[in-house]
Amino acid sequence: MIGRRLRGAAALALLPLLTLTACGSGDTGGTAAVGAQASPVPTDDPVAAVRKVDSAAALLPAEVREAGKLKVGSSIGFPPGAYYPNGTDKAPAGQDIDLADAVAKVLGVELERQDASFETILPALGSGKYDFGTGNFGVTAERLKTIDFVTYINDGQGFAVKQGNTELKGKVTDLTQLCGLTIGTGAGTTFEATLTARKGVCAKAGKKPYDVKVYSENAATLTALQQGRIDVIMSTINGLRHQAAQPASQTSFLGEFHRLDVGFAFKKGSPLTKAFRAAVDELIKDGTYTRILKKWGTSASAIDASRINPPEHT
């Protein structure tokens, strides 16, 4: 996480923004964001050479090895995590797509990818609708109560403003810097949870509280920022950094606020976690992992080894 997904062909052509541990589905009526642009798709294909690793595949339950398939609930939102570079009728691309596909190849299984809104994936894991979920899901203490995670990157929470903003000029290190401002973010994300839980900090500091506006579409959030209806966006570090690098988006990244491990999500007690951890570690060992992150410009989020259910960063 951490995110949320663009809706409609017009919005999908834009440079999207939101969600850390989040992303989402929707109808076909997209909202065009002002000043956004398409993000070019890297041509490198590090997943092509990945082969099955028997020792990792052997950690899968026998019934999964026999079926040879896993269902993944996938939140398709924005680059570099996961997005539709050529419309929803074409294959998605992004770091999360490549990593999930590479893990599946290591384990010798096929993925049945089902698009889903970010906020629906975690609840659906317990029902068995999906075997696992992807969507830049951040590992938090609250989520660990009901969800198992296998980590694959370290991302987190950050802020961005419209270029030329004079109220926030430097890195946000304390939420009291946002007092009196309007913050846009995505529903069901770690951003929303953080802002809601700590909303009292401004009153304690004797300042006007900040206001939080939650959006179901990334394009709508970006439009709100560019039209001055919100002052700042809280979203993923990698997503906001990528967006700010696109001149037409007209945004400035204000730096990291809080780091979070990000992982594949599973129902609590899933028998799949050890196999997935072994697969991620194989990709790290053989260099595929490094190539995938380099491809998507996220090398700063690399981890040395995958972990199952690490504690939330403090």
Protein backbone atom coordinates (compact mmCIF):
# COMPACT_ATOMS: atom_id res chain seq x y z
CA MET A 1 0.00 0.00 0.00
CA ILE A 2 -1.71 1.27 0.60
CA GLY A 3 -4.08 2.27 -3.04
CA ARG A 4 -6.98 2.70 -5.53
CA ARG A 5 -7.72 2.29 -9.25
CA LEU A 6 -8.48 4.56 -12.16
CA ARG A 7 -11.83 4.03 -13.84
CA GLY A 8 -12.61 4.23 -17.51
CA ALA A 9 -10.51 4.44 -20.62
CA ALA A 10 -9.98 8.19 -20.36
CA ALA A 11 -8.79 8.00 -16.76
CA LEU A 12 -6.67 4.94 -17.44
CA ALA A 13 -4.60 6.88 -19.94
CA LEU A 14 -3.64 9.33 -17.23
CA LEU A 15 -0.79 9.28 -14.82
CA PRO A 16 -2.58 8.10 -11.70
CA LEU A 17 -1.74 8.55 -8.16
CA LEU A 18 -3.10 7.02 -5.11
CA THR A 19 -2.71 4.35 -2.65
CA LEU A 20 -0.22 2.85 -0.64
CA THR A 21 -1.65 0.00 0.43
CA ALA A 22 -4.48 0.18 -1.92
CA CYS A 23 -6.17 0.23 -5.45
CA GLY A 24 -9.66 -0.49 -6.99
CA SER A 25 -12.31 -1.39 -9.55
CA GLY A 26 -15.20 0.49 -11.00
CA ASP A 27 -17.56 1.44 -13.78
CA THR A 28 -16.71 2.75 -17.22
CA GLY A 29 -17.36 6.42 -16.71
CA GLY A 30 -13.86 7.80 -16.20
CA THR A 31 -13.04 11.27 -14.95
CA ALA A 32 -10.28 13.09 -16.80
CA ALA A 33 -7.65 14.56 -14.51
CA VAL A 34 -6.32 17.94 -15.45
CA GLY A 35 -2.74 18.04 -16.70
CA ALA A 36 -2.07 14.30 -16.41
CA GLN A 37 -0.41 12.17 -19.04
CA ALA A 38 0.20 8.59 -20.04
CA SER A 39 3.14 6.81 -18.43
CA PRO A 40 5.46 4.96 -20.84
CA VAL A 41 5.75 1.20 -20.40
CA PRO A 42 9.30 -0.14 -19.87
CA THR A 43 10.26 -2.74 -22.46
CA ASP A 44 12.49 -4.98 -20.33
CA ASP A 45 10.92 -8.38 -19.53
CA PRO A 46 12.79 -9.93 -16.59
CA VAL A 47 9.95 -12.39 -15.93
CA ALA A 48 10.42 -14.20 -19.25
CA ALA A 49 13.48 -16.15 -18.11
CA VAL A 50 12.06 -17.27 -14.73
CA ARG A 51 11.76 -21.03 -14.30
CA LYS A 52 10.16 -23.32 -11.74
CA VAL A 53 12.21 -24.02 -8.60
CA ASP A 54 11.26 -27.44 -7.27
CA SER A 55 12.30 -26.75 -3.67
CA ALA A 56 9.98 -23.73 -3.49
CA ALA A 57 7.13 -25.45 -5.34
CA ALA A 58 7.31 -28.38 -2.92
CA LEU A 59 6.19 -26.03 -0.13
CA LEU A 60 2.79 -25.59 -1.76
CA PRO A 61 -0.10 -27.74 -0.50
CA ALA A 62 -0.54 -30.92 -2.55
CA GLU A 63 -3.94 -29.81 -3.83
CA VAL A 64 -2.50 -26.57 -5.17
CA ARG A 65 0.36 -28.36 -6.92
CA GLU A 66 -2.16 -30.74 -8.47
CA ALA A 67 -4.52 -27.99 -9.62
CA GLY A 68 -1.64 -25.85 -10.87
CA LYS A 69 -3.58 -22.62 -10.40
CA LEU A 70 -4.01 -19.83 -7.87
CA LYS A 71 -6.66 -17.10 -7.79
CA VAL A 72 -5.34 -13.62 -7.16
CA GLY A 73 -7.44 -10.58 -6.36
CA SER A 74 -5.53 -7.79 -8.07
CA SER A 75 -6.05 -4.09 -7.46
CA ILE A 76 -5.03 -2.24 -10.61
CA GLY A 77 -4.35 1.40 -9.92
CA PHE A 78 -1.35 3.45 -11.03
CA PRO A 79 2.27 3.17 -12.07
CA PRO A 80 4.67 1.91 -10.99
CA GLY A 81 2.65 -0.63 -8.96
CA ALA A 82 -0.10 -1.86 -11.28
CA TYR A 83 -2.01 -0.07 -14.03
CA TYR A 84 -3.53 -0.43 -17.48
CA PRO A 85 -1.19 1.25 -19.97
CA ASN A 86 -3.35 0.34 -22.96
CA GLY A 87 -6.90 0.18 -21.57
CA THR A 88 -8.79 -2.36 -19.50
CA ASP A 89 -9.21 -4.73 -22.45
CA LYS A 90 -5.42 -5.21 -22.53
CA ALA A 91 -3.08 -6.78 -19.98
CA PRO A 92 -2.11 -4.75 -16.90
CA ALA A 93 1.52 -3.83 -16.24
CA GLY A 94 3.58 -2.76 -13.28
CA GLN A 95 5.87 -3.87 -10.50
CA ASP A 96 3.17 -5.86 -8.66
CA ILE A 97 2.14 -7.61 -11.88
CA ASP A 98 5.72 -8.64 -12.68
CA LEU A 99 6.46 -9.83 -9.14
CA ALA A 100 3.27 -11.90 -8.88
CA ASP A 101 3.87 -13.44 -12.30
CA ALA A 102 7.50 -14.23 -11.43
CA VAL A 103 6.50 -15.87 -8.12
CA ALA A 104 3.92 -17.98 -9.95
CA LYS A 105 6.57 -19.18 -12.41
CA VAL A 106 8.94 -20.12 -9.58
CA LEU A 107 6.13 -22.12 -7.98
CA GLY A 108 5.05 -23.72 -11.26
CA VAL A 109 1.46 -22.45 -11.15
CA GLU A 110 -0.74 -20.28 -13.32
CA LEU A 111 -2.47 -17.19 -11.98
CA GLU A 112 -6.14 -16.51 -12.47
CA ARG A 113 -6.09 -12.74 -12.03
CA GLN A 114 -9.35 -11.07 -11.04
CA ASP A 115 -9.53 -7.29 -10.91
CA ALA A 116 -10.97 -6.05 -7.65
CA SER A 117 -11.28 -2.77 -5.79
CA PHE A 118 -8.61 -2.29 -3.17
CA GLU A 119 -10.94 -2.18 -0.18
CA THR A 120 -12.73 -5.44 -1.13
CA ILE A 121 -9.70 -7.72 -1.47
CA LEU A 122 -8.67 -8.23 2.15
CA PRO A 123 -12.21 -9.10 3.37
CA ALA A 124 -12.63 -11.52 0.46
CA LEU A 125 -9.53 -13.54 1.36
CA GLY A 126 -11.24 -15.16 4.33
CA SER A 127 -14.12 -16.41 2.18
CA GLY A 128 -11.78 -18.14 -0.25
CA LYS A 129 -12.73 -15.93 -3.18
CA TYR A 130 -9.03 -15.32 -3.75
CA ASP A 131 -6.00 -17.37 -2.71
CA PHE A 132 -4.02 -14.16 -2.26
CA GLY A 133 -4.23 -10.47 -3.03
CA THR A 134 -2.01 -7.78 -4.52
CA GLY A 135 -2.43 -4.03 -4.37
CA ASN A 136 0.60 -2.55 -2.62
CA PHE A 137 -0.84 -3.72 0.70
CA GLY A 138 1.12 -2.25 3.60
CA VAL A 139 1.80 -4.36 6.66
CA THR A 140 0.17 -2.74 9.69
CA ALA A 141 -0.49 -3.98 13.21
CA GLU A 142 -4.24 -3.73 12.61
CA ARG A 143 -4.15 -5.76 9.41
CA LEU A 144 -1.93 -8.42 10.97
CA LYS A 145 -4.83 -9.32 13.25
CA THR A 146 -6.74 -10.85 10.34
CA ILE A 147 -4.31 -11.08 7.41
CA ASP A 148 -1.02 -12.89 6.73
CA PHE A 149 1.61 -11.10 4.65
CA VAL A 150 4.63 -12.21 2.64
CA THR A 151 6.75 -9.12 2.01
CA TYR A 152 8.30 -8.15 -1.32
CA ILE A 153 9.14 -4.42 -1.08
CA ASN A 154 9.41 -1.60 1.41
CA ASP A 155 7.27 1.37 0.39
CA GLY A 156 5.17 3.59 2.62
CA GLN A 157 3.33 6.85 3.08
CA GLY A 158 4.17 10.20 1.56
CA PHE A 159 2.68 13.53 0.54
CA ALA A 160 2.47 15.57 -2.64
CA VAL A 161 1.22 19.05 -3.50
CA LYS A 162 0.53 21.00 -6.65
CA GLN A 163 3.62 22.65 -8.07
CA GLY A 164 3.95 26.17 -6.75
CA ASN A 165 2.26 25.39 -3.44
CA THR A 166 3.41 27.90 -0.83
CA GLU A 167 1.84 26.40 2.31
CA LEU A 168 3.91 23.21 2.35
CA LYS A 169 7.41 23.86 1.09
CA GLY A 170 9.39 21.01 2.63
CA LYS A 171 9.16 17.45 3.85
CA VAL A 172 6.19 16.59 6.06
CA THR A 173 7.56 15.03 9.24
CA ASP A 174 4.66 15.77 11.58
CA LEU A 175 0.92 15.85 10.88
CA THR A 176 0.65 19.18 12.70
CA GLN A 177 2.21 20.67 9.56
CA LEU A 178 -1.09 19.85 7.84
CA CYS A 179 -3.32 21.63 10.36
CA GLY A 180 -5.88 23.83 8.62
CA LEU A 181 -5.34 22.13 5.25
CA THR A 182 -7.52 19.73 3.24
CA ILE A 183 -5.95 16.34 2.53
CA GLY A 184 -7.10 14.00 -0.24
CA THR A 185 -6.59 10.24 0.01
CA GLY A 186 -8.15 6.86 -0.87
CA ALA A 187 -10.82 4.91 1.01
CA GLY A 188 -9.72 1.82 2.90
CA THR A 189 -6.04 2.76 2.76
CA THR A 190 -3.40 3.10 5.44
CA PHE A 191 -3.43 6.79 4.63
CA GLU A 192 -7.06 7.18 5.60
CA ALA A 193 -6.49 5.13 8.76
CA THR A 194 -3.47 7.22 9.78
CA LEU A 195 -5.18 10.54 9.17
CA THR A 196 -8.33 9.47 11.01
CA ALA A 197 -6.52 8.00 14.02
CA ARG A 198 -4.36 11.08 14.53
CA LYS A 199 -6.84 13.80 13.71
CA GLY A 200 -6.66 15.15 17.25
CA VAL A 201 -3.05 16.28 16.95
CA CYS A 202 -4.03 19.71 15.70
CA ALA A 203 -6.37 20.43 18.61
CA LYS A 204 -3.65 19.38 21.04
CA ALA A 205 -1.30 21.80 19.31
CA GLY A 206 -3.91 24.58 19.53
CA LYS A 207 -4.35 24.67 15.76
CA LYS A 208 -7.24 24.36 13.34
CA PRO A 209 -7.84 20.67 12.46
CA TYR A 210 -7.06 19.33 9.03
CA ASP A 211 -9.89 18.07 6.85
CA VAL A 212 -9.77 14.71 5.07
CA LYS A 213 -11.53 14.07 1.76
CA VAL A 214 -11.69 10.45 0.60
CA TYR A 215 -11.88 9.60 -3.10
CA SER A 216 -12.73 6.34 -4.83
CA GLU A 217 -10.80 7.22 -8.00
CA ASN A 218 -7.21 8.32 -8.42
CA ALA A 219 -8.10 10.63 -11.29
CA ALA A 220 -10.63 12.42 -9.11
CA THR A 221 -8.02 12.98 -6.40
CA LEU A 222 -5.53 14.44 -8.83
CA THR A 223 -8.20 16.66 -10.38
CA ALA A 224 -9.19 17.90 -6.92
CA LEU A 225 -5.57 18.83 -6.21
CA GLN A 226 -5.08 20.63 -9.48
CA GLN A 227 -8.35 22.53 -9.12
CA GLY A 228 -7.55 23.62 -5.57
CA ARG A 229 -10.29 21.65 -3.82
CA ILE A 230 -7.65 19.88 -1.74
CA ASP A 231 -4.24 21.15 -0.66
CA VAL A 232 -2.23 17.96 -0.41
CA ILE A 233 -2.41 14.27 -1.30
CA MET A 234 -1.33 11.42 0.95
CA SER A 235 -0.44 8.24 -0.92
CA THR A 236 2.36 5.78 -1.68
CA ILE A 237 5.96 6.94 -1.73
CA ASN A 238 6.68 5.18 -5.01
CA GLY A 239 3.45 6.29 -6.68
CA LEU A 240 3.84 9.95 -5.73
CA ARG A 241 7.52 10.00 -6.65
CA HIS A 242 6.74 8.45 -10.04
CA GLN A 243 3.94 10.92 -10.63
CA ALA A 244 6.03 13.96 -9.75
CA ALA A 245 8.61 12.84 -12.33
CA GLN A 246 6.00 13.33 -15.09
CA PRO A 247 5.99 17.05 -15.97
CA ALA A 248 2.35 17.15 -17.06
CA SER A 249 1.11 15.99 -13.65
CA GLN A 250 2.28 19.31 -12.14
CA THR A 251 2.86 17.83 -8.68
CA SER A 252 5.73 18.04 -6.22
CA PHE A 253 6.66 15.10 -3.97
CA LEU A 254 7.24 16.13 -0.35
CA GLY A 255 9.21 13.09 0.71
CA GLU A 256 8.65 10.07 2.90
CA PHE A 257 6.48 10.26 5.99
CA HIS A 258 6.30 6.67 7.24
CA ARG A 259 7.85 3.52 5.76
CA LEU A 260 5.84 0.28 5.54
CA ASP A 261 6.66 -3.22 4.41
CA VAL A 262 4.43 -4.23 1.51
CA GLY A 263 3.41 -7.79 0.80
CA PHE A 264 1.21 -10.36 -0.84
CA ALA A 265 -1.89 -10.73 1.33
CA PHE A 266 -3.43 -14.04 2.48
CA LYS A 267 -6.15 -15.17 4.84
CA LYS A 268 -4.90 -15.78 8.38
CA GLY A 269 -3.25 -19.18 8.66
CA SER A 270 -2.86 -19.64 4.90
CA PRO A 271 -0.73 -22.65 3.92
CA LEU A 272 0.69 -20.66 0.99
CA THR A 273 2.91 -18.21 2.85
CA LYS A 274 6.06 -20.34 3.16
CA ALA A 275 6.04 -21.16 -0.55
CA PHE A 276 5.59 -17.50 -1.49
CA ARG A 277 8.40 -16.41 0.83
CA ALA A 278 10.69 -19.04 -0.70
CA ALA A 279 9.73 -17.88 -4.20
CA VAL A 280 10.47 -14.20 -3.46
CA ASP A 281 13.82 -15.19 -1.94
CA GLU A 282 14.64 -17.21 -5.08
CA LEU A 283 13.92 -14.14 -7.22
CA ILE A 284 16.15 -12.04 -4.99
CA LYS A 285 18.94 -14.63 -5.17
CA ASP A 286 18.91 -15.05 -8.96
CA GLY A 287 18.74 -11.32 -9.72
CA THR A 288 15.25 -11.26 -11.24
CA TYR A 289 13.98 -9.20 -8.32
CA THR A 290 16.62 -6.52 -8.87
CA ARG A 291 15.76 -6.33 -12.58
CA ILE A 292 12.03 -5.96 -11.88
CA LEU A 293 12.55 -3.10 -9.44
CA LYS A 294 15.04 -1.42 -11.76
CA LYS A 295 12.52 -1.72 -14.60
CA TRP A 296 9.89 0.16 -12.61
CA GLY A 297 12.22 2.66 -10.94
CA THR A 298 11.65 1.33 -7.42
CA SER A 299 15.11 0.04 -6.53
CA ALA A 300 15.10 2.17 -3.36
CA SER A 301 12.28 -0.07 -2.07
CA ALA A 302 14.28 -3.29 -2.35
CA ILE A 303 14.43 -5.75 0.54
CA ASP A 304 17.19 -8.25 1.30
CA ALA A 305 14.87 -11.15 2.11
CA SER A 306 11.14 -11.81 2.25
CA ARG A 307 9.45 -12.09 5.65
CA ILE A 308 6.17 -13.52 6.85
CA ASN A 309 4.18 -11.13 9.07
CA PRO A 310 6.92 -8.72 10.17
CA PRO A 311 5.84 -6.16 12.77
CA GLU A 312 4.75 -2.75 11.51
CA HIS A 313 7.54 -0.19 11.27
CA THR A 314 7.46 2.27 14.14
